[in-house]
Amino acid sequence: MLSGKPVFFWDGGVQVGYNKVGGMYGMMKSASNCSDDDLGAHYFASHNETDDLVRATEAAAAYVLSLPCLQRVRKNITDSLHPFIRNFRGRIALYDVATHADVGDNLLWKGALDVMFTAARSPDLICSLTQADVRMQGPRFPTCPPAAEILDELGTPALILWQAGGSFGDLHNSSSASHRSRMQLIRDIDALIDTEERFQSYQLDVVQLPQSVAYTSEATMRREASVLRSLRNVKFVLATRTAASFDLAYQRMRLNEVLAVPDVAMAAGPFVSAGPPVVDIVFLPSSSSSSRQAGLTLTAMEGTVKDAAAAAGLTYKWVVVTDLTHVVILAMLSGRPVFFWDGGAQAGHEDAAGTYDMIKSASGCGDDDLGAFHFTGTDEADALSRATNAAVEYVLKSPCPRAQQQS
C-alpha cells in the first residue's frame, strides 16, 4: 500500500491469529475513511484458505489483464516503436542523449532506453551533441561523430534513434541548435552514400523519437520538409507526440512517414514514493529552476533514473501544480495528482495540453483515472489561478493522505 501497488490478499493458516491480516487492514481502512479501491487493497475472506487464495489470484489476474491506464500508454508506445527496433538486423545508435540536469530530457532518455530493453535490444552507440553538465552524476558519453565516422562505426544496415526532447523545428533556441545539427547530419549522410564508393551499399534508417513539431518560420519549415522528402538513401520516420504536430508534419510538411506516439517519457517509471505525503501542494512552474534542474542520477545501460521523483521534489508531496510538460508526466508516473496549465505565450505554448491529450487518448482513461487536470483561462495568470484553486480544493476534500499524516 505504501508503494502504491495494488494488493490482493487473504488470511493464511488456521492457527490462532487466523484473521490477523484482515483485522489490521480493517483498522487501517477505518482510519483512512477510504474504500478498498482508493487504498488499492482487496481482502478475500471466506474462511476457506484454498478458496480465498484462488479468488485473490483470479482477481489479481483480472486486474493485470484489464491493462490500467499507464500500462496502456506504455503498450501504445512500444507497439509503435518496437517494429523499427526489435528485429533490426544491424547496429543501433541512440543519438544526442541528454547530458544536462533536466527532469524532462532525462525522463525521455530513460524512456528511450526502456523501449529498447523491452524490445530485447540495447544501443551499440550512445552519443551526445553537448558537453556533460557538471551536476550530472553518471556516465559521460562521447561527442556524436560526423557523418562519415558514424557510418564507419555503425556499418550497414544501421538505425539511428534521434533522442526526444526540445522540439522538431526552430521554436526554441536551445533545442533548435540540436535540431539543426541533426538536419545537417542527415543531409551529409545522404550525400555520402551517393558520392562515396565505400558507402554506396549502405542502408540507414533514422527514427525521430516522439517530439512536438513547431516552427516560427514558414520558410524554414518548407525548406526542411523539402530536404526530408527528397532523401534518396535514408529512410526517415518522424514520431510526433501531439495531434497538432502530427497534422503539421503530415499535412503541411507532407513527410513520407509520420507517426502519432505518446511522449516516450511515459515508458519510464513508475516511480515509487519513499513514504506518505508530508506536504500538501508542491508548486513547480517553468519559472522555477528547481522544476527543471533536478540533477538526476543516470545509470546508462540499465536505463535507471534513481530518485527521479525525489530529485524533482515530488517524493513526499501530495499534489503538484505546474505548467511543465514533463513535471506533469513525472507526477503521473509517481502517482501524484497534478493540476496544470500551459505556460508561456510563444508559438507552441499548448504543448503540455497537446502532449497530455495524446497520452489520455492512448490510455482510454479519464482525467480522474490519470490524476491529471488541465486548466485554461482568459490568460496565463487566470489559468494558473484556476489550477491552484482546484489543487487546494482537492487537498481539502481528500481524507486519505491526511489520515496518514495525522498518524
Protein backbone atom coordinates (compact mmCIF):
# COMPACT_ATOMS: atom_id res chain seq x y z
CA MET A 1 0.00 0.00 0.00
CA LEU A 2 2.82 2.41 0.87
CA SER A 3 4.42 1.64 -2.51
CA GLY A 4 1.24 2.42 -4.42
CA LYS A 5 0.91 -1.16 -5.67
CA PRO A 6 -2.49 -2.91 -5.76
CA VAL A 7 -2.55 -5.87 -3.37
CA PHE A 8 -4.90 -8.86 -3.27
CA PHE A 9 -4.71 -10.79 -0.01
CA TRP A 10 -6.29 -13.34 2.34
CA ASP A 11 -5.53 -14.68 5.82
CA GLY A 12 -3.34 -17.75 5.66
CA GLY A 13 -3.19 -20.65 8.09
CA VAL A 14 -5.60 -21.99 10.66
CA GLN A 15 -3.58 -21.19 13.78
CA VAL A 16 -4.53 -18.60 16.36
CA GLY A 17 -4.40 -15.19 14.74
CA TYR A 18 -6.13 -16.55 11.64
CA ASN A 19 -7.82 -13.20 10.95
CA LYS A 20 -4.78 -11.08 11.80
CA VAL A 21 -4.12 -9.56 8.36
CA GLY A 22 -7.76 -8.83 7.70
CA GLY A 23 -8.21 -7.32 11.15
CA MET A 24 -5.23 -4.99 10.82
CA TYR A 25 -6.37 -3.92 7.37
CA GLY A 26 -9.84 -3.26 8.70
CA MET A 27 -8.47 -0.78 11.24
CA MET A 28 -6.28 0.93 8.60
CA LYS A 29 -9.27 1.23 6.28
CA SER A 30 -11.40 2.68 9.06
CA ALA A 31 -8.74 5.25 9.94
CA SER A 32 -8.32 6.26 6.28
CA ASN A 33 -12.06 6.75 5.70
CA CYS A 34 -11.42 5.40 2.18
CA SER A 35 -12.63 2.46 0.12
CA ASP A 36 -10.71 -0.62 -0.99
CA ASP A 37 -10.34 0.88 -4.47
CA ASP A 38 -8.94 4.14 -3.04
CA LEU A 39 -6.43 2.22 -0.93
CA GLY A 40 -5.64 -0.32 -3.65
CA ALA A 41 -6.12 -3.24 -1.26
CA HIS A 42 -8.58 -6.09 -1.75
CA TYR A 43 -9.26 -8.63 1.02
CA PHE A 44 -10.78 -12.05 0.41
CA ALA A 45 -12.33 -13.89 3.36
CA SER A 46 -14.48 -17.00 3.08
CA HIS A 47 -12.69 -18.82 5.94
CA ASN A 48 -11.54 -21.40 3.42
CA GLU A 49 -7.89 -20.70 2.72
CA THR A 50 -7.76 -22.51 -0.60
CA ASP A 51 -10.87 -20.73 -1.85
CA ASP A 52 -9.53 -17.36 -0.71
CA LEU A 53 -6.18 -17.96 -2.43
CA VAL A 54 -7.94 -18.84 -5.71
CA ARG A 55 -10.27 -15.84 -5.54
CA ALA A 56 -7.42 -13.43 -4.73
CA THR A 57 -5.29 -14.83 -7.56
CA GLU A 58 -8.14 -14.64 -10.06
CA ALA A 59 -8.87 -11.06 -9.05
CA ALA A 60 -5.19 -10.12 -9.43
CA ALA A 61 -5.06 -11.73 -12.89
CA ALA A 62 -8.22 -9.88 -13.93
CA TYR A 63 -6.66 -6.62 -12.75
CA VAL A 64 -3.49 -7.19 -14.77
CA LEU A 65 -5.42 -8.21 -17.87
CA SER A 66 -7.53 -5.05 -17.63
CA LEU A 67 -4.40 -3.03 -18.55
CA PRO A 68 -4.65 0.01 -16.27
CA CYS A 69 -4.22 3.45 -17.78
CA LEU A 70 -0.44 3.90 -17.70
CA GLN A 71 0.15 0.35 -18.93
CA ARG A 72 -1.99 1.06 -21.97
CA VAL A 73 0.08 4.16 -22.73
CA ARG A 74 3.35 2.22 -22.46
CA LYS A 75 1.91 -0.51 -24.67
CA ASN A 76 0.93 2.09 -27.27
CA ILE A 77 4.49 3.46 -27.25
CA THR A 78 6.15 0.05 -27.56
CA ASP A 79 3.68 -1.17 -30.19
CA SER A 80 4.53 1.92 -32.27
CA LEU A 81 8.32 1.84 -31.89
CA HIS A 82 9.22 -1.84 -31.47
CA PRO A 83 8.69 -2.67 -35.18
CA PHE A 84 11.66 -0.42 -36.00
CA ILE A 85 13.87 -1.86 -33.24
CA ARG A 86 13.09 -5.44 -32.23
CA ASN A 87 14.12 -7.33 -35.35
CA PHE A 88 16.51 -4.78 -36.84
CA ARG A 89 19.49 -6.70 -38.23
CA GLY A 90 22.15 -4.03 -37.81
CA ARG A 91 23.65 -1.75 -35.17
CA ILE A 92 21.61 0.92 -33.42
CA ALA A 93 22.71 4.36 -32.22
CA LEU A 94 20.94 6.48 -29.61
CA TYR A 95 21.86 9.94 -30.85
CA ASP A 96 22.01 13.23 -28.93
CA VAL A 97 21.16 11.97 -25.43
CA ALA A 98 20.72 14.42 -22.56
CA THR A 99 23.85 15.31 -20.57
CA HIS A 100 22.33 18.13 -18.54
CA ALA A 101 20.29 18.28 -15.35
CA ASP A 102 16.77 18.48 -16.76
CA VAL A 103 13.95 16.28 -15.50
CA GLY A 104 12.18 16.13 -18.85
CA ASP A 105 15.16 15.31 -21.05
CA ASN A 106 16.37 12.64 -18.66
CA LEU A 107 12.95 11.03 -18.38
CA LEU A 108 12.89 10.94 -22.18
CA TRP A 109 16.32 9.34 -22.26
CA LYS A 110 15.30 6.72 -19.69
CA GLY A 111 12.07 6.08 -21.59
CA ALA A 112 14.00 5.54 -24.82
CA LEU A 113 16.28 3.00 -23.13
CA ASP A 114 13.30 1.20 -21.61
CA VAL A 115 11.66 0.98 -25.03
CA MET A 116 14.84 -0.59 -26.40
CA PHE A 117 15.23 -3.00 -23.49
CA THR A 118 11.64 -4.22 -23.79
CA ALA A 119 12.44 -4.92 -27.45
CA ALA A 120 15.40 -7.02 -26.25
CA ARG A 121 17.89 -4.55 -27.73
CA SER A 122 20.45 -2.16 -26.32
CA PRO A 123 22.19 0.71 -28.11
CA ASP A 124 25.50 -0.07 -29.82
CA LEU A 125 26.43 3.62 -29.73
CA ILE A 126 25.29 6.36 -27.35
CA CYS A 127 26.48 9.87 -28.08
CA SER A 128 25.70 13.47 -27.21
CA LEU A 129 25.90 16.76 -29.06
CA THR A 130 26.57 18.74 -25.88
CA GLN A 131 29.15 18.70 -23.09
CA ALA A 132 28.09 16.96 -19.89
CA ASP A 133 26.59 19.14 -17.18
CA VAL A 134 28.84 19.07 -14.11
CA ARG A 135 25.76 18.45 -11.94
CA MET A 136 25.03 15.15 -13.68
CA GLN A 137 26.13 12.07 -11.77
CA GLY A 138 26.68 9.18 -14.13
CA PRO A 139 28.29 8.23 -17.41
CA ARG A 140 29.92 10.64 -19.80
CA PHE A 141 29.11 9.96 -23.43
CA PRO A 142 31.30 10.62 -26.44
CA THR A 143 30.51 13.52 -28.72
CA CYS A 144 28.39 12.41 -31.66
CA PRO A 145 30.75 11.87 -34.61
CA PRO A 146 30.35 13.47 -38.05
CA ALA A 147 28.56 11.65 -40.85
CA ALA A 148 31.47 9.60 -42.27
CA GLU A 149 32.62 8.43 -38.84
CA ILE A 150 29.16 7.41 -37.71
CA LEU A 151 28.69 5.38 -40.92
CA ASP A 152 32.07 3.71 -40.37
CA GLU A 153 31.23 2.88 -36.75
CA LEU A 154 27.72 1.57 -37.34
CA GLY A 155 28.25 -0.23 -40.64
CA THR A 156 25.25 -1.34 -42.67
CA PRO A 157 22.38 -1.68 -42.13
CA ALA A 158 22.16 0.89 -39.34
CA LEU A 159 19.44 2.57 -37.32
CA ILE A 160 19.82 5.97 -35.64
CA LEU A 161 17.28 6.90 -32.98
CA TRP A 162 17.17 10.66 -32.57
CA GLN A 163 16.56 11.35 -28.91
CA ALA A 164 13.32 13.11 -27.99
CA GLY A 165 13.43 16.43 -26.14
CA GLY A 166 13.02 20.04 -27.12
CA SER A 167 11.06 20.30 -30.35
CA PHE A 168 11.40 19.42 -34.01
CA GLY A 169 11.81 22.80 -35.65
CA ASP A 170 13.11 26.28 -34.89
CA LEU A 171 10.86 27.26 -31.95
CA HIS A 172 13.26 27.07 -29.01
CA ASN A 173 16.80 28.44 -29.24
CA SER A 174 18.30 25.68 -27.08
CA SER A 175 16.71 22.79 -28.92
CA SER A 176 16.79 24.34 -32.40
CA ALA A 177 20.62 24.22 -32.36
CA SER A 178 20.43 20.48 -31.75
CA HIS A 179 17.76 20.18 -34.44
CA ARG A 180 19.98 21.99 -36.97
CA SER A 181 22.85 19.62 -36.18
CA ARG A 182 20.62 16.61 -36.76
CA MET A 183 19.33 18.01 -40.05
CA GLN A 184 22.91 18.64 -41.19
CA LEU A 185 23.83 15.07 -40.25
CA ILE A 186 21.04 13.51 -42.29
CA ARG A 187 21.91 15.69 -45.32
CA ASP A 188 25.60 14.77 -45.03
CA ILE A 189 24.86 11.05 -44.71
CA ASP A 190 22.53 11.07 -47.69
CA ALA A 191 25.18 12.84 -49.78
CA LEU A 192 27.98 10.49 -48.64
CA ILE A 193 26.03 7.39 -49.63
CA ASP A 194 25.50 8.98 -53.04
CA THR A 195 29.08 10.07 -53.64
CA GLU A 196 31.46 7.88 -51.61
CA GLU A 197 32.07 4.47 -53.17
CA ARG A 198 32.66 2.74 -49.81
CA PHE A 199 29.22 3.80 -48.59
CA GLN A 200 27.19 3.16 -51.74
CA SER A 201 25.67 -0.10 -50.47
CA TYR A 202 24.78 1.38 -47.08
CA GLN A 203 21.22 1.25 -45.74
CA LEU A 204 20.29 3.71 -42.98
CA ASP A 205 17.07 4.31 -41.08
CA VAL A 206 16.59 7.37 -38.88
CA VAL A 207 13.69 7.49 -36.42
CA GLN A 208 12.97 10.70 -34.55
CA LEU A 209 11.52 9.64 -31.20
CA PRO A 210 8.25 11.44 -30.30
CA GLN A 211 8.59 15.20 -30.38
CA SER A 212 6.43 18.26 -30.80
CA VAL A 213 6.84 19.88 -34.21
CA ALA A 214 6.97 23.67 -34.03
CA TYR A 215 8.31 26.28 -36.44
CA THR A 216 8.30 30.05 -36.19
CA SER A 217 9.49 30.44 -39.79
CA GLU A 218 7.33 29.15 -42.62
CA ALA A 219 10.32 29.31 -44.96
CA THR A 220 12.44 27.15 -42.65
CA MET A 221 9.64 24.62 -42.34
CA ARG A 222 9.23 24.37 -46.11
CA ARG A 223 12.98 24.10 -46.68
CA GLU A 224 13.45 21.32 -44.14
CA ALA A 225 10.37 19.47 -45.35
CA SER A 226 11.81 19.53 -48.86
CA VAL A 227 15.11 18.12 -47.60
CA LEU A 228 13.41 15.26 -45.76
CA ARG A 229 11.10 14.39 -48.66
CA SER A 230 13.99 14.30 -51.11
CA LEU A 231 16.26 11.93 -49.15
CA ARG A 232 17.45 9.21 -51.54
CA ASN A 233 19.42 6.89 -49.28
CA VAL A 234 17.98 7.42 -45.81
CA LYS A 235 14.58 6.29 -44.58
CA PHE A 236 13.33 8.96 -42.17
CA VAL A 237 10.44 8.43 -39.72
CA LEU A 238 9.09 11.28 -37.59
CA ALA A 239 7.17 10.32 -34.45
CA THR A 240 5.05 13.15 -33.07
CA ARG A 241 3.61 13.46 -29.55
CA THR A 242 0.70 15.87 -30.17
CA ALA A 243 -2.16 15.82 -32.65
CA ALA A 244 -1.24 19.32 -33.86
CA SER A 245 2.34 18.16 -34.55
CA PHE A 246 1.09 15.13 -36.48
CA ASP A 247 -1.14 17.33 -38.64
CA LEU A 248 1.70 19.79 -39.29
CA ALA A 249 4.17 17.06 -40.29
CA TYR A 250 1.73 15.01 -42.34
CA GLN A 251 -0.47 17.62 -43.99
CA ARG A 252 1.66 20.76 -44.27
CA MET A 253 5.17 19.30 -44.44
CA ARG A 254 3.91 16.25 -46.38
CA LEU A 255 6.56 13.95 -44.91
CA ASN A 256 6.60 10.36 -46.07
CA GLU A 257 6.37 8.59 -42.70
CA VAL A 258 4.76 10.27 -39.70
CA LEU A 259 3.60 8.52 -36.53
CA ALA A 260 1.43 9.67 -33.62
CA VAL A 261 3.05 8.27 -30.46
CA PRO A 262 2.65 9.34 -26.81
CA ASP A 263 5.62 11.06 -25.17
CA VAL A 264 8.31 8.40 -24.69
CA ALA A 265 8.87 9.57 -21.09
CA MET A 266 5.69 7.62 -20.32
CA ALA A 267 7.69 4.43 -20.95
CA ALA A 268 9.81 5.25 -17.88
CA GLY A 269 8.73 4.61 -14.31
CA PRO A 270 6.59 4.18 -12.40
CA PHE A 271 8.46 5.87 -9.56
CA VAL A 272 7.55 4.74 -6.06
CA SER A 273 7.43 7.33 -3.30
CA ALA A 274 9.59 6.82 -0.24
CA GLY A 275 6.70 7.42 2.14
CA PRO A 276 3.32 9.07 2.66
CA PRO A 277 2.87 12.77 1.82
CA VAL A 278 4.01 15.32 4.37
CA VAL A 279 3.44 18.44 2.22
CA ASP A 280 0.06 19.20 0.70
CA ILE A 281 0.98 21.05 -2.51
CA VAL A 282 4.22 21.49 -4.46
CA PHE A 283 4.25 24.35 -6.96
CA LEU A 284 6.65 23.85 -9.90
CA PRO A 285 6.14 26.49 -12.59
CA SER A 286 8.52 26.92 -15.52
CA SER A 287 9.96 29.99 -13.80
CA SER A 288 11.33 27.76 -11.02
CA SER A 289 14.87 26.49 -11.60
CA SER A 290 14.19 23.52 -9.30
CA SER A 291 11.49 22.31 -11.66
CA ARG A 292 13.99 21.78 -14.48
CA GLN A 293 17.41 21.41 -12.89
CA ALA A 294 16.86 18.36 -10.77
CA GLY A 295 20.32 16.80 -11.08
CA LEU A 296 19.15 13.30 -11.90
CA THR A 297 21.47 10.34 -11.43
CA LEU A 298 21.82 8.18 -14.54
CA THR A 299 22.96 4.60 -14.94
CA ALA A 300 23.40 4.21 -18.65
CA MET A 301 22.97 0.63 -19.73
CA GLU A 302 20.45 -0.32 -17.06
CA GLY A 303 18.41 2.70 -18.01
CA THR A 304 17.56 3.67 -14.43
CA VAL A 305 16.96 7.14 -13.15
CA LYS A 306 17.37 6.89 -9.41
CA ASP A 307 15.19 9.00 -7.15
CA ALA A 308 13.77 10.93 -10.08
CA ALA A 309 10.64 11.95 -8.22
CA ALA A 310 12.68 12.93 -5.18
CA ALA A 311 15.02 15.00 -7.32
CA ALA A 312 12.10 16.96 -8.70
CA GLY A 313 10.67 17.49 -5.23
CA LEU A 314 7.76 15.05 -5.67
CA THR A 315 8.55 12.21 -3.29
CA TYR A 316 6.73 13.44 -0.20
CA LYS A 317 4.35 15.84 -1.94
CA TRP A 318 0.64 15.23 -2.20
CA VAL A 319 -0.41 17.15 -5.32
CA VAL A 320 1.55 19.06 -7.95
CA VAL A 321 0.73 22.37 -9.67
CA THR A 322 2.84 23.09 -12.79
CA ASP A 323 2.96 24.26 -16.40
CA LEU A 324 5.84 21.96 -17.39
CA THR A 325 5.04 19.01 -19.65
CA HIS A 326 7.46 16.58 -18.04
CA VAL A 327 6.65 17.55 -14.49
CA VAL A 328 3.07 16.61 -15.41
CA ILE A 329 4.35 13.25 -16.67
CA LEU A 330 6.63 12.71 -13.68
CA ALA A 331 3.72 13.42 -11.32
CA MET A 332 1.57 10.87 -13.18
CA LEU A 333 4.35 8.26 -13.04
CA SER A 334 4.77 8.99 -9.32
CA GLY A 335 1.07 8.60 -8.57
CA ARG A 336 0.67 12.26 -7.62
CA PRO A 337 -2.42 14.20 -8.75
CA VAL A 338 -1.30 17.07 -10.98
CA PHE A 339 -3.07 20.31 -11.85
CA PHE A 340 -1.54 22.08 -14.83
CA TRP A 341 -1.87 24.84 -17.39
CA ASP A 342 0.13 25.79 -20.48
CA GLY A 343 2.73 28.41 -19.68
CA GLY A 344 4.29 30.98 -21.99
CA ALA A 345 2.88 32.98 -24.84
CA GLN A 346 5.13 31.79 -27.67
CA ALA A 347 4.03 29.55 -30.52
CA GLY A 348 3.63 26.01 -29.30
CA HIS A 349 2.56 27.14 -25.83
CA GLU A 350 -0.15 24.46 -25.69
CA ASP A 351 2.45 21.71 -25.72
CA ALA A 352 1.62 20.39 -22.23
CA ALA A 353 -2.06 20.07 -23.08
CA GLY A 354 -1.36 18.55 -26.50
CA THR A 355 1.08 16.03 -25.06
CA TYR A 356 -1.36 15.10 -22.30
CA ASP A 357 -4.26 14.74 -24.75
CA MET A 358 -2.36 12.11 -26.74
CA ILE A 359 -1.42 10.28 -23.52
CA LYS A 360 -5.03 10.40 -22.39
CA SER A 361 -6.28 9.12 -25.75
CA ALA A 362 -3.82 6.22 -25.68
CA SER A 363 -4.78 5.33 -22.10
CA GLY A 364 -8.51 5.11 -22.76
CA CYS A 365 -8.97 6.72 -19.32
CA GLY A 366 -10.40 9.95 -17.97
CA ASP A 367 -8.72 12.75 -16.05
CA ASP A 368 -9.79 11.30 -12.70
CA ASP A 369 -8.25 7.91 -13.55
CA LEU A 370 -4.98 9.50 -14.68
CA GLY A 371 -4.95 12.02 -11.84
CA ALA A 372 -4.17 14.89 -14.23
CA PHE A 373 -6.26 18.02 -14.72
CA HIS A 374 -5.67 20.70 -17.37
CA PHE A 375 -6.86 24.29 -16.88
CA THR A 376 -7.31 27.13 -19.33
CA GLY A 377 -8.29 30.74 -18.65
CA THR A 378 -8.62 34.17 -20.15
CA ASP A 379 -4.82 34.42 -19.87
CA GLU A 380 -1.95 32.52 -18.27
CA ALA A 381 -2.43 34.14 -14.84
CA ASP A 382 -6.09 33.13 -14.86
CA ALA A 383 -5.25 29.54 -15.84
CA LEU A 384 -2.60 29.39 -13.09
CA SER A 385 -5.14 30.65 -10.56
CA ARG A 386 -7.74 28.08 -11.64
CA ALA A 387 -5.23 25.21 -11.40
CA THR A 388 -4.01 26.32 -7.98
CA ASN A 389 -7.53 26.77 -6.59
CA ALA A 390 -8.53 23.33 -7.85
CA ALA A 391 -5.46 21.78 -6.21
CA VAL A 392 -6.32 23.43 -2.88
CA GLU A 393 -9.91 22.23 -3.12
CA TYR A 394 -8.72 18.70 -3.92
CA VAL A 395 -6.44 18.62 -0.88
CA LEU A 396 -9.17 19.90 1.44
CA LYS A 397 -11.66 17.29 0.21
CA SER A 398 -9.37 14.24 0.20
CA PRO A 399 -9.36 12.34 3.52
CA CYS A 400 -6.89 9.52 2.89
CA PRO A 401 -3.43 11.16 2.92
CA ARG A 402 -4.47 13.49 5.76
CA ALA A 403 -5.28 10.44 7.89
CA GLN A 404 -1.78 9.15 7.18
CA GLN A 405 -0.24 12.49 8.09
CA GLN A 406 -2.12 12.64 11.40
CA SER A 407 -0.86 9.20 12.36
